[in-house]
Amino acid sequence: MSGARSNWTATADELTGFGNKLFIRRWLAHPLKVGSVAPSGKGLSRLLARQAKLLPDHAVIEVGAGTGPVTQALLDFGIPAEKLLVVEIDRDMCRFLQAKFPQLSIVEGDCRRLAEIIPDKWRGKVSTLISGIPMVSCPFEVQKQMLDSYFEMLRPGGKVVQVTFSLFSPLPIDRHKLKARRVGVAPLNFPPAWVWSYERQAA
């Protein structure tokens, strides 16, 4: 695939097929970083998108977007393109997302550095952050770096929505001083997935 989005033209089905193959290739190369053998299915993507709360003059961030099924669901659920910010660390996936969603702001970068890669105007004005990062495979200190980065962007009372393929919370709730609740399950997803919502405990 060309790195220049203007050189890429394809039908929706061709993009989906290419994206699935790309996802599998990246999973085979980095299974702990990608976290799943397949992109999020429609049911899981819609479940995640339904958790996104957008307040006036605020934005939604998606990190670890992969090949974009949740991104598409967020757009389908009415999140305006100008208020949806997408972060993906994998260069090939990022270029694919840029080709698939030319109307979106898609940033190649590390989600531990959101304050450096997201425009300043959105700092503290993000209502919901949706994460596809495989938190279970991350050491505690890396989880903490991500959460600190996330909550720096979130408004007071904003929430992190996290997908996991574990039966239990992918984050140690007490150690991270979080308020947590499981908000849904997608049993028909491959593999089955659970969705958790996290907020910071009051200091």
C-alpha atoms as a PDB file:
ATOM      1  CA  MET A   1       0.000   0.000   0.000  1.00  0.00           C
ATOM      2  CA  SER A   2       1.337   3.431  -0.867  1.00  0.00           C
ATOM      3  CA  GLY A   3       2.121   5.834   1.966  1.00  0.00           C
ATOM      4  CA  ALA A   4       0.369   8.638   0.078  1.00  0.00           C
ATOM      5  CA  ARG A   5      -3.348   8.535   0.696  1.00  0.00           C
ATOM      6  CA  SER A   6      -4.064  10.316  -2.624  1.00  0.00           C
ATOM      7  CA  ASN A   7      -2.633   7.346  -4.521  1.00  0.00           C
ATOM      8  CA  TRP A   8      -4.989   4.865  -2.867  1.00  0.00           C
ATOM      9  CA  THR A   9      -8.425   4.259  -4.343  1.00  0.00           C
ATOM     10  CA  ALA A  10     -10.537   1.211  -3.536  1.00  0.00           C
ATOM     11  CA  THR A  11     -14.074   0.109  -2.871  1.00  0.00           C
ATOM     12  CA  ALA A  12     -15.306  -0.357   0.700  1.00  0.00           C
ATOM     13  CA  ASP A  13     -15.086  -4.150   0.306  1.00  0.00           C
ATOM     14  CA  GLU A  14     -11.530  -3.932  -1.035  1.00  0.00           C
ATOM     15  CA  LEU A  15     -10.503  -1.695   1.859  1.00  0.00           C
ATOM     16  CA  THR A  16     -12.058  -4.111   4.353  1.00  0.00           C
ATOM     17  CA  GLY A  17     -10.293  -7.077   2.796  1.00  0.00           C
ATOM     18  CA  PHE A  18      -6.968  -5.272   2.705  1.00  0.00           C
ATOM     19  CA  GLY A  19      -7.451  -4.129   6.300  1.00  0.00           C
ATOM     20  CA  ASN A  20      -8.153  -7.663   7.535  1.00  0.00           C
ATOM     21  CA  LYS A  21      -5.006  -8.979   5.860  1.00  0.00           C
ATOM     22  CA  LEU A  22      -2.964  -6.089   7.241  1.00  0.00           C
ATOM     23  CA  PHE A  23      -4.307  -6.683  10.753  1.00  0.00           C
ATOM     24  CA  ILE A  24      -3.369 -10.362  10.657  1.00  0.00           C
ATOM     25  CA  ARG A  25       0.123  -9.558   9.355  1.00  0.00           C
ATOM     26  CA  ARG A  26       0.698  -7.042  12.138  1.00  0.00           C
ATOM     27  CA  TRP A  27      -0.663  -9.483  14.748  1.00  0.00           C
ATOM     28  CA  LEU A  28       1.726 -12.184  13.526  1.00  0.00           C
ATOM     29  CA  ALA A  29       4.602  -9.708  13.744  1.00  0.00           C
ATOM     30  CA  HIS A  30       3.648  -8.232  17.152  1.00  0.00           C
ATOM     31  CA  PRO A  31       1.017 -10.408  18.908  1.00  0.00           C
ATOM     32  CA  LEU A  32       1.418  -8.745  22.320  1.00  0.00           C
ATOM     33  CA  LYS A  33       1.102  -5.248  20.871  1.00  0.00           C
ATOM     34  CA  VAL A  34      -1.868  -5.946  18.598  1.00  0.00           C
ATOM     35  CA  GLY A  35      -3.631  -8.063  21.214  1.00  0.00           C
ATOM     36  CA  SER A  36      -6.182  -9.876  19.028  1.00  0.00           C
ATOM     37  CA  VAL A  37      -6.004 -12.142  16.024  1.00  0.00           C
ATOM     38  CA  ALA A  38      -8.839 -10.287  14.269  1.00  0.00           C
ATOM     39  CA  PRO A  39     -10.227  -6.727  14.095  1.00  0.00           C
ATOM     40  CA  SER A  40     -13.190  -5.854  16.310  1.00  0.00           C
ATOM     41  CA  GLY A  41     -16.439  -7.232  14.909  1.00  0.00           C
ATOM     42  CA  LYS A  42     -19.495  -5.081  14.241  1.00  0.00           C
ATOM     43  CA  GLY A  43     -21.177  -5.982  17.523  1.00  0.00           C
ATOM     44  CA  LEU A  44     -18.141  -5.081  19.617  1.00  0.00           C
ATOM     45  CA  SER A  45     -17.480  -1.935  17.583  1.00  0.00           C
ATOM     46  CA  ARG A  46     -21.054  -0.734  18.120  1.00  0.00           C
ATOM     47  CA  LEU A  47     -20.888  -1.571  21.819  1.00  0.00           C
ATOM     48  CA  LEU A  48     -17.751   0.547  22.175  1.00  0.00           C
ATOM     49  CA  ALA A  49     -19.196   3.390  20.122  1.00  0.00           C
ATOM     50  CA  ARG A  50     -22.332   3.506  22.277  1.00  0.00           C
ATOM     51  CA  GLN A  51     -20.157   4.324  25.286  1.00  0.00           C
ATOM     52  CA  ALA A  52     -18.822   7.506  23.688  1.00  0.00           C
ATOM     53  CA  LYS A  53     -20.336  10.580  25.291  1.00  0.00           C
ATOM     54  CA  LEU A  54     -19.657  13.818  23.458  1.00  0.00           C
ATOM     55  CA  LEU A  55     -20.292  17.126  25.208  1.00  0.00           C
ATOM     56  CA  PRO A  56     -20.524  20.473  23.377  1.00  0.00           C
ATOM     57  CA  ASP A  57     -17.089  21.850  22.491  1.00  0.00           C
ATOM     58  CA  HIS A  58     -15.471  18.551  23.453  1.00  0.00           C
ATOM     59  CA  ALA A  59     -13.910  15.677  21.500  1.00  0.00           C
ATOM     60  CA  VAL A  60     -13.569  11.896  21.516  1.00  0.00           C
ATOM     61  CA  ILE A  61     -10.210  10.134  21.211  1.00  0.00           C
ATOM     62  CA  GLU A  62      -9.642   6.583  20.013  1.00  0.00           C
ATOM     63  CA  VAL A  63      -6.246   5.013  20.697  1.00  0.00           C
ATOM     64  CA  GLY A  64      -5.059   1.742  19.197  1.00  0.00           C
ATOM     65  CA  ALA A  65      -7.499   2.017  16.306  1.00  0.00           C
ATOM     66  CA  GLY A  66      -5.987  -0.827  14.267  1.00  0.00           C
ATOM     67  CA  THR A  67      -7.733  -0.922  10.898  1.00  0.00           C
ATOM     68  CA  GLY A  68     -10.680   1.202  11.984  1.00  0.00           C
ATOM     69  CA  PRO A  69     -13.850  -0.847  12.712  1.00  0.00           C
ATOM     70  CA  VAL A  70     -14.484   1.087  15.931  1.00  0.00           C
ATOM     71  CA  THR A  71     -13.584   4.331  14.172  1.00  0.00           C
ATOM     72  CA  GLN A  72     -16.285   3.621  11.597  1.00  0.00           C
ATOM     73  CA  ALA A  73     -18.799   2.773  14.326  1.00  0.00           C
ATOM     74  CA  LEU A  74     -18.071   6.069  16.104  1.00  0.00           C
ATOM     75  CA  LEU A  75     -18.770   7.967  12.878  1.00  0.00           C
ATOM     76  CA  ASP A  76     -21.922   5.894  12.295  1.00  0.00           C
ATOM     77  CA  PHE A  77     -23.117   6.756  15.802  1.00  0.00           C
ATOM     78  CA  GLY A  78     -22.875  10.449  15.025  1.00  0.00           C
ATOM     79  CA  ILE A  79     -19.489  11.581  16.339  1.00  0.00           C
ATOM     80  CA  PRO A  80     -18.542  14.456  13.986  1.00  0.00           C
ATOM     81  CA  ALA A  81     -15.331  13.904  12.049  1.00  0.00           C
ATOM     82  CA  GLU A  82     -13.872  17.172  13.313  1.00  0.00           C
ATOM     83  CA  LYS A  83     -14.327  16.010  16.920  1.00  0.00           C
ATOM     84  CA  LEU A  84     -12.923  12.492  16.556  1.00  0.00           C
ATOM     85  CA  LEU A  85      -9.170  12.136  17.053  1.00  0.00           C
ATOM     86  CA  VAL A  86      -7.524   8.805  16.231  1.00  0.00           C
ATOM     87  CA  VAL A  87      -4.104   7.626  17.418  1.00  0.00           C
ATOM     88  CA  GLU A  88      -2.302   4.538  16.074  1.00  0.00           C
ATOM     89  CA  ILE A  89       1.340   3.685  16.718  1.00  0.00           C
ATOM     90  CA  ASP A  90       1.798   1.169  13.886  1.00  0.00           C
ATOM     91  CA  ARG A  91       2.919   2.997  10.748  1.00  0.00           C
ATOM     92  CA  ASP A  92       1.279   0.640   8.254  1.00  0.00           C
ATOM     93  CA  MET A  93      -2.037   0.703  10.095  1.00  0.00           C
ATOM     94  CA  CYS A  94      -1.841   4.479  10.449  1.00  0.00           C
ATOM     95  CA  ARG A  95      -1.361   4.900   6.689  1.00  0.00           C
ATOM     96  CA  PHE A  96      -4.263   2.534   6.067  1.00  0.00           C
ATOM     97  CA  LEU A  97      -6.482   4.583   8.408  1.00  0.00           C
ATOM     98  CA  GLN A  98      -5.467   7.795   6.670  1.00  0.00           C
ATOM     99  CA  ALA A  99      -6.509   6.278   3.353  1.00  0.00           C
ATOM    100  CA  LYS A 100      -9.766   4.880   4.720  1.00  0.00           C
ATOM    101  CA  PHE A 101     -10.760   8.000   6.685  1.00  0.00           C
ATOM    102  CA  PRO A 102      -9.303  11.031   4.878  1.00  0.00           C
ATOM    103  CA  GLN A 103     -11.793  13.281   6.702  1.00  0.00           C
ATOM    104  CA  LEU A 104     -10.344  12.435  10.135  1.00  0.00           C
ATOM    105  CA  SER A 105      -7.383  13.653  12.137  1.00  0.00           C
ATOM    106  CA  ILE A 106      -5.300  10.458  12.404  1.00  0.00           C
ATOM    107  CA  VAL A 107      -1.996  10.668  14.256  1.00  0.00           C
ATOM    108  CA  GLU A 108       0.838   8.169  14.189  1.00  0.00           C
ATOM    109  CA  GLY A 109       2.212   8.125  17.703  1.00  0.00           C
ATOM    110  CA  ASP A 110       2.515   6.677  21.187  1.00  0.00           C
ATOM    111  CA  CYS A 111      -0.603   6.960  23.345  1.00  0.00           C
ATOM    112  CA  ARG A 112       1.654   7.633  26.349  1.00  0.00           C
ATOM    113  CA  ARG A 113       2.425  11.028  24.785  1.00  0.00           C
ATOM    114  CA  LEU A 114      -1.037  12.328  23.924  1.00  0.00           C
ATOM    115  CA  ALA A 115      -0.318  15.806  25.275  1.00  0.00           C
ATOM    116  CA  GLU A 116       2.526  16.093  22.742  1.00  0.00           C
ATOM    117  CA  ILE A 117       0.683  14.750  19.676  1.00  0.00           C
ATOM    118  CA  ILE A 118      -2.909  15.976  20.157  1.00  0.00           C
ATOM    119  CA  PRO A 119      -3.660  19.687  19.503  1.00  0.00           C
ATOM    120  CA  ASP A 120      -3.496  21.783  22.684  1.00  0.00           C
ATOM    121  CA  LYS A 121      -7.071  23.008  22.222  1.00  0.00           C
ATOM    122  CA  TRP A 122      -8.380  19.546  23.160  1.00  0.00           C
ATOM    123  CA  ARG A 123      -6.395  19.123  26.370  1.00  0.00           C
ATOM    124  CA  GLY A 124      -8.874  18.719  29.216  1.00  0.00           C
ATOM    125  CA  LYS A 125     -11.760  18.793  26.733  1.00  0.00           C
ATOM    126  CA  VAL A 126     -12.083  15.129  25.804  1.00  0.00           C
ATOM    127  CA  SER A 127     -15.324  13.548  26.979  1.00  0.00           C
ATOM    128  CA  THR A 128     -14.462   9.906  26.238  1.00  0.00           C
ATOM    129  CA  LEU A 129     -11.300   8.054  25.315  1.00  0.00           C
ATOM    130  CA  ILE A 130     -11.749   4.618  23.739  1.00  0.00           C
ATOM    131  CA  SER A 131      -8.785   2.265  23.988  1.00  0.00           C
ATOM    132  CA  GLY A 132      -8.056  -0.842  21.971  1.00  0.00           C
ATOM    133  CA  ILE A 133      -4.619  -1.241  23.587  1.00  0.00           C
ATOM    134  CA  PRO A 134      -4.102  -4.749  25.059  1.00  0.00           C
ATOM    135  CA  MET A 135      -3.672  -3.579  28.653  1.00  0.00           C
ATOM    136  CA  VAL A 136      -3.403  -7.097  30.087  1.00  0.00           C
ATOM    137  CA  SER A 137      -0.044  -7.583  28.387  1.00  0.00           C
ATOM    138  CA  CYS A 138       1.354  -4.235  29.599  1.00  0.00           C
ATOM    139  CA  PRO A 139       3.448  -3.915  32.798  1.00  0.00           C
ATOM    140  CA  PHE A 140       1.925  -1.808  35.572  1.00  0.00           C
ATOM    141  CA  GLU A 141       4.247   1.150  34.946  1.00  0.00           C
ATOM    142  CA  VAL A 142       3.338   1.224  31.252  1.00  0.00           C
ATOM    143  CA  GLN A 143      -0.350   1.086  32.159  1.00  0.00           C
ATOM    144  CA  LYS A 144       0.209   4.007  34.524  1.00  0.00           C
ATOM    145  CA  GLN A 145       1.942   6.044  31.825  1.00  0.00           C
ATOM    146  CA  MET A 146      -0.988   5.433  29.490  1.00  0.00           C
ATOM    147  CA  LEU A 147      -3.604   6.312  32.104  1.00  0.00           C
ATOM    148  CA  ASP A 148      -1.765   9.489  33.117  1.00  0.00           C
ATOM    149  CA  SER A 149      -1.639  10.472  29.445  1.00  0.00           C
ATOM    150  CA  TYR A 150      -5.328   9.655  28.950  1.00  0.00           C
ATOM    151  CA  PHE A 151      -6.607  11.523  31.986  1.00  0.00           C
ATOM    152  CA  GLU A 152      -4.508  14.573  31.165  1.00  0.00           C
ATOM    153  CA  MET A 153      -6.601  14.890  28.001  1.00  0.00           C
ATOM    154  CA  LEU A 154      -9.953  14.072  29.619  1.00  0.00           C
ATOM    155  CA  ARG A 155     -12.280  16.627  31.143  1.00  0.00           C
ATOM    156  CA  PRO A 156     -13.070  16.250  34.877  1.00  0.00           C
ATOM    157  CA  GLY A 157     -15.382  13.262  35.092  1.00  0.00           C
ATOM    158  CA  GLY A 158     -14.331  12.024  31.657  1.00  0.00           C
ATOM    159  CA  LYS A 159     -14.023   8.295  31.124  1.00  0.00           C
ATOM    160  CA  VAL A 160     -11.733   5.740  29.539  1.00  0.00           C
ATOM    161  CA  VAL A 161     -13.550   2.940  27.720  1.00  0.00           C
ATOM    162  CA  GLN A 162     -11.372  -0.158  27.424  1.00  0.00           C
ATOM    163  CA  VAL A 163     -11.885  -3.381  25.492  1.00  0.00           C
ATOM    164  CA  THR A 164     -10.453  -6.636  26.848  1.00  0.00           C
ATOM    165  CA  PHE A 165     -10.541 -10.327  26.041  1.00  0.00           C
ATOM    166  CA  SER A 166     -10.190 -11.217  29.716  1.00  0.00           C
ATOM    167  CA  LEU A 167     -13.070 -12.115  32.042  1.00  0.00           C
ATOM    168  CA  PHE A 168     -11.732  -9.616  34.558  1.00  0.00           C
ATOM    169  CA  SER A 169     -10.721  -5.970  34.568  1.00  0.00           C
ATOM    170  CA  PRO A 170      -7.589  -5.572  32.436  1.00  0.00           C
ATOM    171  CA  LEU A 171      -6.405  -2.881  34.850  1.00  0.00           C
ATOM    172  CA  PRO A 172      -5.752  -3.346  38.594  1.00  0.00           C
ATOM    173  CA  ILE A 173      -8.453  -0.984  39.806  1.00  0.00           C
ATOM    174  CA  ASP A 174      -7.210  -0.270  43.336  1.00  0.00           C
ATOM    175  CA  ARG A 175      -3.551   0.157  42.387  1.00  0.00           C
ATOM    176  CA  HIS A 176      -4.478   2.712  39.727  1.00  0.00           C
ATOM    177  CA  LYS A 177      -7.058   4.387  42.007  1.00  0.00           C
ATOM    178  CA  LEU A 178      -9.864   4.002  39.495  1.00  0.00           C
ATOM    179  CA  LYS A 179     -13.627   3.795  39.606  1.00  0.00           C
ATOM    180  CA  ALA A 180     -14.560   0.961  37.280  1.00  0.00           C
ATOM    181  CA  ARG A 181     -17.545  -0.870  35.914  1.00  0.00           C
ATOM    182  CA  ARG A 182     -18.065  -3.459  33.236  1.00  0.00           C
ATOM    183  CA  VAL A 183     -20.477  -1.937  30.724  1.00  0.00           C
ATOM    184  CA  GLY A 184     -20.993  -4.727  28.235  1.00  0.00           C
ATOM    185  CA  VAL A 185     -19.950  -7.960  26.588  1.00  0.00           C
ATOM    186  CA  ALA A 186     -19.745  -8.982  22.944  1.00  0.00           C
ATOM    187  CA  PRO A 187     -20.041 -12.787  23.138  1.00  0.00           C
ATOM    188  CA  LEU A 188     -20.185 -13.273  19.364  1.00  0.00           C
ATOM    189  CA  ASN A 189     -16.992 -11.348  18.735  1.00  0.00           C
ATOM    190  CA  PHE A 190     -13.917 -13.380  17.771  1.00  0.00           C
ATOM    191  CA  PRO A 191     -12.581 -13.720  20.378  1.00  0.00           C
ATOM    192  CA  PRO A 192     -15.385 -12.811  22.852  1.00  0.00           C
ATOM    193  CA  ALA A 193     -14.735  -9.390  24.391  1.00  0.00           C
ATOM    194  CA  TRP A 194     -15.717  -7.331  27.418  1.00  0.00           C
ATOM    195  CA  VAL A 195     -15.898  -3.545  27.708  1.00  0.00           C
ATOM    196  CA  TRP A 196     -14.985  -1.620  30.848  1.00  0.00           C
ATOM    197  CA  SER A 197     -15.422   2.042  31.771  1.00  0.00           C
ATOM    198  CA  TYR A 198     -12.923   3.768  34.063  1.00  0.00           C
ATOM    199  CA  GLU A 199     -12.851   7.114  35.847  1.00  0.00           C
ATOM    200  CA  ARG A 200     -10.303   8.566  38.218  1.00  0.00           C
ATOM    201  CA  GLN A 201     -11.155   8.464  41.898  1.00  0.00           C
ATOM    202  CA  ALA A 202     -11.468  11.865  43.530  1.00  0.00           C
ATOM    203  CA  ALA A 203      -8.231  12.937  45.200  1.00  0.00           C
END
